[in-house]
Protein backbone atom coordinates (compact mmCIF):
# COMPACT_ATOMS: atom_id res chain seq x y z
CA MET A 1 5.70 6.89 3.58
CA GLU A 2 6.76 3.34 3.90
CA LYS A 3 7.87 4.06 7.47
CA THR A 4 4.53 5.70 8.22
CA ASN A 5 2.85 2.46 7.01
CA ARG A 6 4.73 0.16 8.85
CA LEU A 7 3.77 2.27 11.91
CA LEU A 8 0.21 2.21 11.10
CA ALA A 9 0.37 -1.17 10.74
CA SER A 10 1.87 -2.37 13.86
CA ASP A 11 0.28 -4.40 16.78
CA VAL A 12 1.92 -1.38 19.08
CA TRP A 13 0.15 1.47 17.32
CA GLN A 14 -3.50 -0.60 16.94
CA GLN A 15 -3.39 -1.10 20.79
CA LEU A 16 -3.30 2.50 21.56
CA PRO A 17 -6.65 3.65 22.91
CA ALA A 18 -7.07 6.58 21.07
CA VAL A 19 -6.25 4.30 17.51
CA ARG A 20 -8.76 2.03 19.17
CA GLU A 21 -11.43 4.65 19.91
CA GLY A 22 -10.92 6.12 16.29
CA ARG A 23 -9.39 9.29 18.06
CA VAL A 24 -6.47 10.09 15.64
CA TYR A 25 -6.51 12.17 12.65
CA LEU A 26 -3.97 11.56 10.06
CA ILE A 27 -3.11 15.09 8.52
CA PRO A 28 -1.44 15.79 5.15
CA VAL A 29 2.48 16.26 5.87
CA GLY A 30 2.40 19.01 3.28
CA LYS A 31 0.21 21.15 5.30
CA CYS A 32 2.25 20.89 8.58
CA PHE A 33 5.72 21.87 7.60
CA SER A 34 5.30 24.89 6.00
CA ASN A 35 5.46 28.06 8.30
CA ASP A 36 3.97 30.98 5.89
CA GLY A 37 0.91 32.57 6.98
CA VAL A 38 -1.23 31.02 4.48
CA SER A 39 -0.39 27.29 5.49
CA LEU A 40 -0.39 27.70 9.19
CA GLN A 41 -4.01 29.50 8.94
CA ARG A 42 -5.27 26.31 6.66
CA LEU A 43 -3.47 23.85 9.31
CA THR A 44 -5.39 26.05 12.07
CA SER A 45 -8.74 25.90 10.37
CA MET A 46 -7.97 21.73 9.62
CA LEU A 47 -7.19 21.22 13.36
CA VAL A 48 -10.52 23.19 14.79
CA HIS A 49 -12.61 21.50 12.22
CA LEU A 50 -11.03 18.12 13.22
CA LEU A 51 -11.32 18.80 17.25
CA LEU A 52 -14.99 20.08 16.70
CA SER A 53 -16.40 17.24 14.69
CA TYR A 54 -15.23 14.75 17.33
């Protein structure tokens, strides 16, 4: 988490166009690194929701 927080606070990250325009979504790491069917289905649903809500 410490490295992630440093990245998110960095000037380089803050200058990215997608970040400045609010088009970056943080996804809980626990939802991304599991490859069982249920976890993949949840992640897919979460991604669809994020993409369609923009």
